[in-house]
N, C-alpha and C. Protein backbone atom coordinates (compact mmCIF):
# COMPACT_ATOMS: atom_id res chain seq x y z
N VAL A 1 88.09 75.16 85.13
CA VAL A 1 88.00 73.97 85.88
C VAL A 1 86.55 73.63 86.03
N GLN A 2 86.22 72.28 85.90
CA GLN A 2 84.79 71.93 86.01
C GLN A 2 84.57 71.23 87.35
N LEU A 3 83.49 71.30 88.05
CA LEU A 3 83.21 70.62 89.35
C LEU A 3 82.11 69.82 89.34
N GLN A 4 82.16 68.67 89.86
CA GLN A 4 80.90 67.83 89.96
C GLN A 4 80.68 67.37 91.40
N ALA A 5 79.45 67.71 91.87
CA ALA A 5 79.11 67.41 93.14
C ALA A 5 78.33 66.20 93.26
N SER A 6 78.44 65.34 94.19
CA SER A 6 77.60 64.30 94.48
C SER A 6 77.65 63.80 95.96
N GLY A 7 76.87 62.88 96.12
CA GLY A 7 76.59 62.39 97.58
C GLY A 7 75.33 62.80 98.33
N GLY A 8 74.49 63.48 97.59
CA GLY A 8 73.28 63.88 98.32
C GLY A 8 72.27 62.67 98.19
N GLY A 9 71.21 63.08 99.00
CA GLY A 9 70.24 61.90 99.11
C GLY A 9 69.18 62.36 100.17
N LEU A 10 68.49 61.25 100.54
CA LEU A 10 67.48 61.45 101.47
C LEU A 10 67.94 60.71 102.95
N VAL A 11 68.00 61.43 103.81
CA VAL A 11 68.23 60.91 105.28
C VAL A 11 67.37 61.36 106.21
N GLN A 12 67.27 60.53 107.43
CA GLN A 12 66.48 61.03 108.53
C GLN A 12 67.28 61.97 109.42
N ALA A 13 66.33 62.72 110.16
CA ALA A 13 67.09 63.76 110.87
C ALA A 13 67.97 62.96 111.89
N GLY A 14 69.14 63.75 112.31
CA GLY A 14 70.18 63.04 113.10
C GLY A 14 71.07 62.16 112.42
N GLY A 15 70.76 61.87 111.01
CA GLY A 15 71.73 61.15 110.26
C GLY A 15 72.77 61.92 109.64
N SER A 16 73.64 61.21 108.76
CA SER A 16 74.98 61.80 108.25
C SER A 16 74.94 61.64 106.82
N LEU A 17 75.58 62.45 106.01
CA LEU A 17 75.82 62.31 104.68
C LEU A 17 77.23 62.91 104.36
N ARG A 18 77.90 62.36 103.42
CA ARG A 18 79.22 63.08 102.92
C ARG A 18 79.14 63.27 101.53
N LEU A 19 79.15 64.69 101.28
CA LEU A 19 79.20 65.23 99.83
C LEU A 19 80.58 65.19 99.40
N SER A 20 80.67 65.02 97.96
CA SER A 20 81.92 65.13 97.36
C SER A 20 81.93 66.16 96.16
N CYS A 21 82.97 66.76 96.04
CA CYS A 21 83.14 67.77 94.90
C CYS A 21 84.40 67.39 94.26
N ALA A 22 84.29 66.82 92.97
CA ALA A 22 85.47 66.42 92.11
C ALA A 22 85.68 67.64 91.12
N ALA A 23 87.05 67.99 91.24
CA ALA A 23 87.45 69.04 90.28
C ALA A 23 88.20 68.48 89.03
N PHE A 24 87.81 68.91 87.84
CA PHE A 24 88.42 68.45 86.70
C PHE A 24 89.07 69.66 85.93
N GLY A 25 90.27 69.54 85.87
CA GLY A 25 91.08 70.75 85.19
C GLY A 25 92.14 71.23 86.19
N PRO A 26 92.84 72.33 85.66
CA PRO A 26 93.82 72.82 86.58
C PRO A 26 93.38 73.42 87.95
N THR A 27 94.07 73.08 89.01
CA THR A 27 93.84 73.60 90.38
C THR A 27 95.13 74.10 90.84
N PHE A 28 95.06 74.98 91.76
CA PHE A 28 96.34 75.55 92.41
C PHE A 28 96.18 75.57 93.89
N SER A 29 97.27 75.44 94.55
CA SER A 29 97.42 75.39 95.99
C SER A 29 96.74 76.62 96.63
N SER A 30 96.65 77.63 95.89
CA SER A 30 96.22 78.92 96.47
C SER A 30 94.53 79.04 96.29
N ASP A 31 94.04 78.11 95.54
CA ASP A 31 92.60 78.13 95.20
C ASP A 31 91.77 77.65 96.55
N SER A 32 90.86 78.33 96.63
CA SER A 32 89.85 77.90 97.74
C SER A 32 88.59 77.19 97.14
N ILE A 33 88.15 76.06 97.93
CA ILE A 33 86.79 75.49 97.45
C ILE A 33 85.97 75.51 98.60
N GLY A 34 84.77 76.04 98.18
CA GLY A 34 83.70 76.28 99.22
C GLY A 34 82.40 75.42 98.95
N TRP A 35 81.76 75.19 99.91
CA TRP A 35 80.33 74.61 99.94
C TRP A 35 79.23 75.68 100.32
N PHE A 36 78.22 75.62 99.40
CA PHE A 36 77.08 76.48 99.63
C PHE A 36 75.86 75.61 99.57
N ARG A 37 74.70 76.19 100.02
CA ARG A 37 73.55 75.62 99.82
C ARG A 37 72.36 76.63 99.53
N LEU A 38 71.36 76.10 98.80
CA LEU A 38 70.31 76.87 98.38
C LEU A 38 69.00 76.19 98.73
N ALA A 39 68.20 76.69 99.64
CA ALA A 39 67.00 76.22 99.94
C ALA A 39 65.84 76.92 99.34
N PRO A 40 64.63 76.36 99.11
CA PRO A 40 63.39 76.98 98.36
C PRO A 40 63.19 78.23 99.08
N GLY A 41 63.10 79.17 98.35
CA GLY A 41 62.54 80.50 98.96
C GLY A 41 63.63 81.36 99.89
N LYS A 42 64.85 80.61 99.90
CA LYS A 42 65.90 81.39 100.73
C LYS A 42 67.00 81.68 99.83
N GLU A 43 67.85 82.54 100.32
CA GLU A 43 69.15 82.97 99.58
C GLU A 43 70.16 81.91 99.77
N ARG A 44 71.21 81.96 98.77
CA ARG A 44 72.26 80.90 98.83
C ARG A 44 73.06 81.23 99.97
N LYS A 45 73.45 80.10 100.82
CA LYS A 45 74.17 80.40 102.04
C LYS A 45 75.50 79.71 101.99
N PHE A 46 76.61 80.36 102.45
CA PHE A 46 77.89 79.81 102.63
C PHE A 46 77.96 78.84 103.75
N LEU A 47 78.57 77.87 103.63
CA LEU A 47 78.74 76.77 104.81
C LEU A 47 80.11 76.62 105.21
N ALA A 48 81.05 76.37 104.11
CA ALA A 48 82.40 76.05 104.71
C ALA A 48 83.45 76.18 103.39
N VAL A 49 84.62 76.52 103.70
CA VAL A 49 85.74 76.62 102.58
C VAL A 49 86.99 75.96 103.16
N VAL A 50 87.83 75.63 102.19
CA VAL A 50 89.01 75.03 102.42
C VAL A 50 89.95 75.37 101.32
N ARG A 51 91.40 75.73 101.53
CA ARG A 51 92.20 75.92 100.52
C ARG A 51 92.86 74.64 100.06
N TRP A 52 93.13 74.55 98.81
CA TRP A 52 93.67 73.32 98.28
C TRP A 52 94.89 72.76 98.97
N ASP A 53 95.83 73.71 99.51
CA ASP A 53 97.04 73.41 100.31
C ASP A 53 96.68 72.94 101.80
N GLY A 54 95.35 73.08 102.13
CA GLY A 54 94.74 72.60 103.40
C GLY A 54 95.36 73.77 104.39
N SER A 55 95.80 74.76 104.14
CA SER A 55 96.36 75.68 105.21
C SER A 55 95.23 76.54 105.90
N ARG A 56 94.00 76.43 105.30
CA ARG A 56 93.11 77.13 106.09
C ARG A 56 91.65 76.64 105.84
N THR A 57 90.87 76.60 106.75
CA THR A 57 89.41 76.19 106.68
C THR A 57 88.50 77.31 107.55
N TYR A 58 87.38 77.37 107.07
CA TYR A 58 86.49 78.37 107.75
C TYR A 58 85.06 77.69 107.57
N TYR A 59 84.37 77.97 108.64
CA TYR A 59 82.88 77.43 108.67
C TYR A 59 82.04 78.59 109.01
N ALA A 60 80.79 78.39 108.55
CA ALA A 60 79.55 79.33 108.93
C ALA A 60 79.31 78.79 110.34
N ASP A 61 78.78 79.77 111.11
CA ASP A 61 78.57 79.31 112.49
C ASP A 61 77.46 78.28 112.58
N SER A 62 76.38 78.39 111.63
CA SER A 62 75.34 77.53 111.73
C SER A 62 75.71 76.14 111.50
N VAL A 63 76.84 75.88 111.00
CA VAL A 63 77.25 74.46 110.77
C VAL A 63 78.40 74.02 111.40
N LYS A 64 79.18 74.90 112.19
CA LYS A 64 80.27 74.67 113.00
C LYS A 64 80.03 73.42 113.93
N GLY A 65 80.90 72.59 114.11
CA GLY A 65 80.75 71.45 114.95
C GLY A 65 79.93 70.27 114.31
N ARG A 66 79.05 70.49 113.31
CA ARG A 66 78.34 69.48 112.64
C ARG A 66 78.88 69.03 111.34
N PHE A 67 79.35 70.04 110.52
CA PHE A 67 79.85 69.82 109.23
C PHE A 67 81.62 69.93 109.26
N THR A 68 82.10 69.02 108.47
CA THR A 68 83.60 69.18 108.33
C THR A 68 83.95 69.02 106.90
N ILE A 69 84.79 70.00 106.46
CA ILE A 69 85.22 70.16 105.01
C ILE A 69 86.70 69.55 105.13
N SER A 70 87.02 68.83 103.84
CA SER A 70 88.31 68.18 103.85
C SER A 70 88.64 68.05 102.48
N ARG A 71 89.88 67.76 102.14
CA ARG A 71 90.22 67.54 100.67
C ARG A 71 91.22 66.50 100.52
N ASP A 72 91.23 65.95 99.31
CA ASP A 72 92.08 64.72 98.92
C ASP A 72 92.71 65.25 97.68
N ASN A 73 94.08 65.94 97.84
CA ASN A 73 94.67 66.43 96.55
C ASN A 73 94.90 65.41 95.54
N ALA A 74 95.22 64.18 96.00
CA ALA A 74 95.48 63.29 94.92
C ALA A 74 94.37 62.88 94.04
N LYS A 75 93.08 63.12 94.53
CA LYS A 75 91.79 62.84 93.97
C LYS A 75 91.19 64.06 93.36
N ASN A 76 91.89 65.17 93.66
CA ASN A 76 91.34 66.45 93.28
C ASN A 76 89.85 66.74 93.74
N THR A 77 89.58 66.23 94.96
CA THR A 77 88.27 66.11 95.58
C THR A 77 88.17 66.63 96.89
N VAL A 78 87.09 67.42 97.16
CA VAL A 78 86.81 68.14 98.51
C VAL A 78 85.53 67.45 98.95
N TYR A 79 85.55 67.26 100.16
CA TYR A 79 84.42 66.56 100.97
C TYR A 79 83.73 67.48 101.91
N LEU A 80 82.48 67.17 102.08
CA LEU A 80 81.77 67.81 103.19
C LEU A 80 81.07 66.82 104.01
N GLN A 81 81.52 66.52 105.17
CA GLN A 81 80.96 65.53 106.00
C GLN A 81 79.95 66.20 106.89
N MET A 82 78.77 65.85 106.65
CA MET A 82 77.69 66.50 107.44
C MET A 82 76.95 65.56 108.51
N ASN A 83 77.10 65.77 109.74
CA ASN A 83 76.46 65.04 110.82
C ASN A 83 75.43 65.67 111.54
N SER A 84 74.66 64.95 112.21
CA SER A 84 73.53 65.54 113.04
C SER A 84 72.62 66.28 112.14
N LEU A 85 72.20 65.72 111.07
CA LEU A 85 71.51 66.63 110.08
C LEU A 85 70.00 66.95 110.58
N LYS A 86 69.56 68.07 110.23
CA LYS A 86 68.26 68.56 110.67
C LYS A 86 67.51 68.79 109.32
N PRO A 87 66.04 68.93 109.58
CA PRO A 87 65.28 69.18 108.38
C PRO A 87 65.52 70.48 107.71
N GLU A 88 65.92 71.35 108.54
CA GLU A 88 66.37 72.79 107.93
C GLU A 88 67.62 72.67 107.09
N ASP A 89 68.25 71.58 107.17
CA ASP A 89 69.51 71.42 106.31
C ASP A 89 69.14 70.99 104.87
N THR A 90 67.77 70.86 104.64
CA THR A 90 67.31 70.35 103.28
C THR A 90 67.67 71.44 102.24
N ALA A 91 68.12 71.06 101.28
CA ALA A 91 68.62 72.17 100.22
C ALA A 91 69.36 71.44 99.02
N VAL A 92 69.66 72.25 98.05
CA VAL A 92 70.58 71.84 96.89
C VAL A 92 71.87 72.36 97.40
N TYR A 93 72.94 71.52 97.53
CA TYR A 93 74.19 71.84 97.96
C TYR A 93 75.21 72.05 96.72
N TYR A 94 75.96 73.05 96.69
CA TYR A 94 76.80 73.29 95.63
C TYR A 94 78.26 73.43 96.08
N CYS A 95 79.27 73.14 95.20
CA CYS A 95 80.60 73.34 95.49
C CYS A 95 81.04 74.56 94.51
N ALA A 96 82.15 75.24 94.85
CA ALA A 96 82.63 76.33 93.94
C ALA A 96 84.02 76.46 94.41
N VAL A 97 84.68 76.99 93.33
CA VAL A 97 86.20 77.54 93.47
C VAL A 97 86.34 79.00 93.25
N LYS A 98 87.17 79.47 94.25
CA LYS A 98 87.64 80.86 94.25
C LYS A 98 89.15 80.72 94.06
N PRO A 99 89.48 81.04 92.88
CA PRO A 99 90.83 81.07 92.37
C PRO A 99 91.76 82.04 93.33
N GLY A 100 92.99 81.57 93.55
CA GLY A 100 93.78 82.44 94.37
C GLY A 100 93.94 83.97 93.83
N GLY A 101 93.71 84.91 94.63
CA GLY A 101 93.64 86.29 94.15
C GLY A 101 92.38 86.75 93.73
N SER A 102 91.33 85.91 93.60
CA SER A 102 90.09 86.43 93.07
C SER A 102 89.17 86.69 94.28
N PRO A 103 88.46 87.58 94.43
CA PRO A 103 87.60 87.82 95.52
C PRO A 103 86.07 87.09 95.36
N THR A 104 85.86 86.47 94.27
CA THR A 104 84.61 85.82 94.03
C THR A 104 84.84 84.23 93.72
N TYR A 105 83.81 83.49 93.89
CA TYR A 105 83.78 82.07 93.52
C TYR A 105 83.45 82.14 92.04
N ASP A 106 84.38 81.69 91.19
CA ASP A 106 84.10 81.71 89.70
C ASP A 106 83.71 80.61 89.01
N TYR A 107 83.77 79.46 89.71
CA TYR A 107 83.48 78.12 88.91
C TYR A 107 82.58 77.35 90.01
N TRP A 108 81.46 76.91 89.51
CA TRP A 108 80.54 76.31 90.26
C TRP A 108 80.01 75.03 89.72
N GLY A 109 79.73 73.91 90.60
CA GLY A 109 79.28 72.72 90.28
C GLY A 109 77.80 72.71 90.11
N GLN A 110 77.09 71.60 89.70
CA GLN A 110 75.77 71.53 89.38
C GLN A 110 74.92 71.34 90.55
N GLY A 111 75.39 70.96 91.66
CA GLY A 111 74.52 70.96 92.85
C GLY A 111 74.13 69.49 93.11
N THR A 112 74.07 69.15 94.47
CA THR A 112 73.20 67.82 94.61
C THR A 112 72.25 67.97 95.82
N GLN A 113 71.11 67.33 95.61
CA GLN A 113 69.91 67.56 96.73
C GLN A 113 70.27 66.76 97.82
N VAL A 114 69.98 67.43 99.17
CA VAL A 114 69.90 66.79 100.25
C VAL A 114 68.60 67.00 100.98
N THR A 115 67.95 65.98 101.23
CA THR A 115 66.62 66.11 101.88
C THR A 115 66.73 65.35 103.24
N VAL A 116 66.44 66.08 104.24
CA VAL A 116 66.43 65.57 105.65
C VAL A 116 64.92 65.39 106.17
N SER A 117 64.53 64.21 106.38
CA SER A 117 63.11 64.07 106.81
C SER A 117 63.03 64.11 108.46
N SER A 118 61.93 64.49 109.00
CA SER A 118 61.81 64.53 110.32
C SER A 118 61.14 63.38 110.93
């Protein structure tokens, strides 16, 4: 499966962005799609995950209440709605697929840059 992330950009602190992750190729209801981010000088950080069948979502504490993950199975797309953005949210955001039964995220998109100005 190939993933294409989009929707990043420049936004002022307190603003919102919605990222999209389109999946091309076979996907299965047991697959999970996660969002991560990588900021300069920092380690990659997990943000949120959802199963394709919508049965489960999970968020990192740092984004709980501000970010919402959702999916549109008809469009094979997962979204990350980001509200109340802060300058420290500035990073490259990636989506990835963890196939059902796999312990790891095996497929990654190319990333989309989010810059939050103060």
